[in-house]
N, C-alpha and C. Protein backbone atom coordinates (compact mmCIF):
# COMPACT_ATOMS: atom_id res chain seq x y z
N MET A 1 0.83 -1.19 0.00
CA MET A 1 0.00 0.00 0.00
C MET A 1 0.87 1.26 0.00
N GLU A 2 1.95 1.21 0.77
CA GLU A 2 2.83 2.38 0.85
C GLU A 2 3.47 2.69 -0.51
N ASN A 3 3.84 1.65 -1.24
CA ASN A 3 4.44 1.87 -2.56
C ASN A 3 3.46 2.52 -3.53
N ILE A 4 2.20 2.12 -3.45
CA ILE A 4 1.18 2.73 -4.31
C ILE A 4 1.01 4.20 -3.96
N LEU A 5 0.94 4.50 -2.67
CA LEU A 5 0.80 5.90 -2.24
C LEU A 5 2.03 6.73 -2.61
N ASN A 6 3.20 6.12 -2.56
CA ASN A 6 4.41 6.84 -2.99
C ASN A 6 4.35 7.16 -4.48
N GLY A 7 3.88 6.21 -5.28
CA GLY A 7 3.72 6.46 -6.71
C GLY A 7 2.70 7.55 -6.99
N VAL A 8 1.59 7.52 -6.24
CA VAL A 8 0.57 8.56 -6.38
C VAL A 8 1.15 9.92 -5.98
N GLN A 9 1.99 9.94 -4.94
CA GLN A 9 2.61 11.19 -4.49
C GLN A 9 3.49 11.80 -5.58
N VAL A 10 4.24 10.96 -6.27
CA VAL A 10 5.09 11.44 -7.35
C VAL A 10 4.23 12.03 -8.47
N LEU A 11 3.18 11.32 -8.84
CA LEU A 11 2.30 11.82 -9.90
C LEU A 11 1.60 13.12 -9.50
N LEU A 12 1.15 13.19 -8.25
CA LEU A 12 0.51 14.42 -7.77
C LEU A 12 1.49 15.59 -7.75
N SER A 13 2.72 15.33 -7.34
CA SER A 13 3.70 16.42 -7.29
C SER A 13 4.01 16.93 -8.69
N ILE A 14 4.12 16.03 -9.66
CA ILE A 14 4.37 16.46 -11.04
C ILE A 14 3.18 17.27 -11.56
N ALA A 15 1.96 16.82 -11.24
CA ALA A 15 0.77 17.53 -11.69
C ALA A 15 0.68 18.92 -11.07
N VAL A 16 0.97 19.03 -9.77
CA VAL A 16 0.91 20.34 -9.10
C VAL A 16 1.97 21.28 -9.68
N ILE A 17 3.17 20.77 -9.90
CA ILE A 17 4.22 21.61 -10.49
C ILE A 17 3.79 22.11 -11.86
N PHE A 18 3.27 21.21 -12.69
CA PHE A 18 2.82 21.59 -14.03
C PHE A 18 1.71 22.63 -13.96
N LEU A 19 0.73 22.42 -13.09
CA LEU A 19 -0.40 23.35 -13.00
C LEU A 19 0.04 24.72 -12.48
N VAL A 20 0.96 24.74 -11.52
CA VAL A 20 1.45 26.03 -11.00
C VAL A 20 2.23 26.77 -12.07
N LEU A 21 3.01 26.03 -12.85
CA LEU A 21 3.79 26.68 -13.91
C LEU A 21 2.91 27.19 -15.04
N MET A 22 1.70 26.66 -15.17
CA MET A 22 0.76 27.17 -16.17
C MET A 22 0.29 28.58 -15.80
N HIS A 23 0.28 28.87 -14.49
CA HIS A 23 -0.06 30.22 -14.04
C HIS A 23 1.11 31.13 -14.34
N SER A 24 0.83 32.38 -14.47
CA SER A 24 1.91 33.31 -14.71
C SER A 24 1.62 34.60 -13.95
N GLY A 25 2.31 35.66 -14.32
CA GLY A 25 2.13 36.95 -13.65
C GLY A 25 0.74 37.51 -13.83
N LYS A 26 0.55 38.74 -13.37
CA LYS A 26 -0.76 39.37 -13.42
C LYS A 26 -1.31 39.46 -14.84
N ASP A 27 -0.47 39.80 -15.80
CA ASP A 27 -0.95 40.09 -17.14
C ASP A 27 -0.80 38.93 -18.11
N ALA A 28 -0.08 37.90 -17.74
CA ALA A 28 0.28 36.92 -18.75
C ALA A 28 -0.19 35.51 -18.45
N GLY A 29 -1.20 35.30 -17.62
CA GLY A 29 -1.63 33.96 -17.28
C GLY A 29 -2.02 33.13 -18.48
N LEU A 30 -2.69 32.06 -18.26
CA LEU A 30 -3.10 31.17 -19.34
C LEU A 30 -4.02 31.90 -20.31
N SER A 31 -4.86 32.78 -19.80
CA SER A 31 -5.75 33.53 -20.68
C SER A 31 -4.95 34.46 -21.58
N GLY A 32 -3.81 34.96 -21.10
CA GLY A 32 -2.96 35.79 -21.94
C GLY A 32 -2.33 35.02 -23.08
N ALA A 33 -2.09 33.73 -22.87
CA ALA A 33 -1.52 32.89 -23.92
C ALA A 33 -2.49 32.73 -25.08
N PHE A 34 -3.78 32.83 -24.79
CA PHE A 34 -4.79 32.68 -25.83
C PHE A 34 -5.27 34.03 -26.35
N GLY A 35 -4.66 35.12 -25.89
CA GLY A 35 -4.99 36.44 -26.39
C GLY A 35 -6.25 37.03 -25.79
N VAL A 36 -6.69 36.49 -24.67
CA VAL A 36 -7.89 37.00 -24.03
C VAL A 36 -7.47 38.02 -22.99
N GLY A 37 -8.03 39.19 -23.04
CA GLY A 37 -7.68 40.22 -22.07
C GLY A 37 -8.30 39.92 -20.72
N SER A 38 -7.60 40.21 -19.67
CA SER A 38 -8.11 39.86 -18.35
C SER A 38 -8.90 40.99 -17.76
N GLY A 39 -9.13 41.82 -17.39
CA GLY A 39 -9.91 42.88 -16.89
C GLY A 39 -10.61 42.54 -15.60
N ALA A 40 -10.25 41.43 -14.97
CA ALA A 40 -10.95 41.03 -13.76
C ALA A 40 -10.01 41.10 -12.56
N GLY A 41 -10.60 41.13 -11.40
CA GLY A 41 -9.80 41.18 -10.17
C GLY A 41 -9.11 39.86 -9.90
N PRO A 42 -8.35 39.81 -8.83
CA PRO A 42 -7.58 38.60 -8.55
C PRO A 42 -8.43 37.40 -8.14
N PHE A 43 -9.63 37.63 -7.61
CA PHE A 43 -10.44 36.51 -7.13
C PHE A 43 -11.72 36.31 -7.91
N GLY A 44 -11.98 37.10 -8.90
CA GLY A 44 -13.22 36.95 -9.64
C GLY A 44 -13.00 37.19 -11.11
N GLY A 45 -13.94 36.74 -11.90
CA GLY A 45 -13.87 36.98 -13.33
C GLY A 45 -12.80 36.18 -14.01
N GLY A 46 -12.21 36.73 -15.04
CA GLY A 46 -11.22 35.99 -15.80
C GLY A 46 -11.91 35.06 -16.78
N SER A 47 -11.15 34.45 -17.60
CA SER A 47 -11.74 33.54 -18.58
C SER A 47 -12.11 32.22 -17.92
N LEU A 48 -12.94 31.47 -18.60
CA LEU A 48 -13.36 30.17 -18.09
C LEU A 48 -12.17 29.24 -17.96
N VAL A 49 -11.25 29.31 -18.90
CA VAL A 49 -10.06 28.46 -18.86
C VAL A 49 -9.22 28.79 -17.62
N GLU A 50 -9.07 30.05 -17.33
CA GLU A 50 -8.28 30.47 -16.16
C GLU A 50 -8.93 30.02 -14.86
N ARG A 51 -10.26 30.15 -14.78
CA ARG A 51 -10.96 29.71 -13.56
C ARG A 51 -10.85 28.20 -13.38
N ASN A 52 -10.98 27.45 -14.48
CA ASN A 52 -10.83 26.00 -14.38
C ASN A 52 -9.41 25.61 -13.99
N LEU A 53 -8.43 26.34 -14.49
CA LEU A 53 -7.04 26.08 -14.11
C LEU A 53 -6.86 26.30 -12.61
N ASN A 54 -7.46 27.34 -12.08
CA ASN A 54 -7.39 27.60 -10.64
C ASN A 54 -8.03 26.46 -9.85
N ARG A 55 -9.18 26.00 -10.31
CA ARG A 55 -9.87 24.91 -9.62
C ARG A 55 -9.05 23.63 -9.63
N TRP A 56 -8.49 23.29 -10.78
CA TRP A 56 -7.67 22.07 -10.89
C TRP A 56 -6.42 22.18 -10.01
N THR A 57 -5.82 23.35 -9.97
CA THR A 57 -4.62 23.54 -9.14
C THR A 57 -4.96 23.34 -7.67
N ILE A 58 -6.05 23.91 -7.23
CA ILE A 58 -6.46 23.77 -5.83
C ILE A 58 -6.80 22.32 -5.51
N ALA A 59 -7.52 21.65 -6.40
CA ALA A 59 -7.90 20.25 -6.17
C ALA A 59 -6.67 19.35 -6.07
N PHE A 60 -5.72 19.53 -6.98
CA PHE A 60 -4.52 18.68 -6.94
C PHE A 60 -3.66 19.02 -5.74
N ALA A 61 -3.62 20.28 -5.33
CA ALA A 61 -2.83 20.65 -4.15
C ALA A 61 -3.44 20.04 -2.88
N ILE A 62 -4.76 20.04 -2.78
CA ILE A 62 -5.41 19.42 -1.63
C ILE A 62 -5.16 17.92 -1.62
N ALA A 63 -5.26 17.28 -2.79
CA ALA A 63 -4.98 15.84 -2.88
C ALA A 63 -3.54 15.54 -2.49
N PHE A 64 -2.62 16.41 -2.89
CA PHE A 64 -1.20 16.25 -2.54
C PHE A 64 -1.01 16.32 -1.03
N VAL A 65 -1.63 17.29 -0.39
CA VAL A 65 -1.49 17.46 1.06
C VAL A 65 -2.11 16.27 1.79
N LEU A 66 -3.29 15.84 1.36
CA LEU A 66 -3.93 14.69 2.00
C LEU A 66 -3.09 13.42 1.85
N ASN A 67 -2.54 13.22 0.67
CA ASN A 67 -1.69 12.05 0.45
C ASN A 67 -0.42 12.12 1.31
N THR A 68 0.13 13.31 1.48
CA THR A 68 1.29 13.48 2.34
C THR A 68 0.95 13.12 3.79
N ILE A 69 -0.21 13.57 4.26
CA ILE A 69 -0.62 13.27 5.63
C ILE A 69 -0.82 11.77 5.80
N ILE A 70 -1.44 11.13 4.82
CA ILE A 70 -1.65 9.68 4.88
C ILE A 70 -0.31 8.94 4.91
N LEU A 71 0.63 9.39 4.09
CA LEU A 71 1.95 8.74 4.07
C LEU A 71 2.69 8.92 5.39
N LEU A 72 2.49 10.05 6.05
CA LEU A 72 3.14 10.28 7.34
C LEU A 72 2.54 9.41 8.44
N LYS A 73 1.26 9.09 8.32
CA LYS A 73 0.58 8.28 9.34
C LYS A 73 0.88 6.80 9.20
N ILE A 74 1.31 6.36 8.01
CA ILE A 74 1.59 4.93 7.78
C ILE A 74 2.91 4.54 8.41
């Protein structure tokens, strides 16, 4: 079981790194790569792609933390 969780941890860490690197500065995020102007505040608005990227990043980060806690308890 521990080996499976270790493998999942590696995959989650790669996914979180990739998702965080997809984000960029204030003006150049993922929506900037597609030529969509941002005009929204830091916590609202933005393109649908940018909001989904935020959701996926948060979900994978939570899964990473939970998996880390489980691995520490084993």
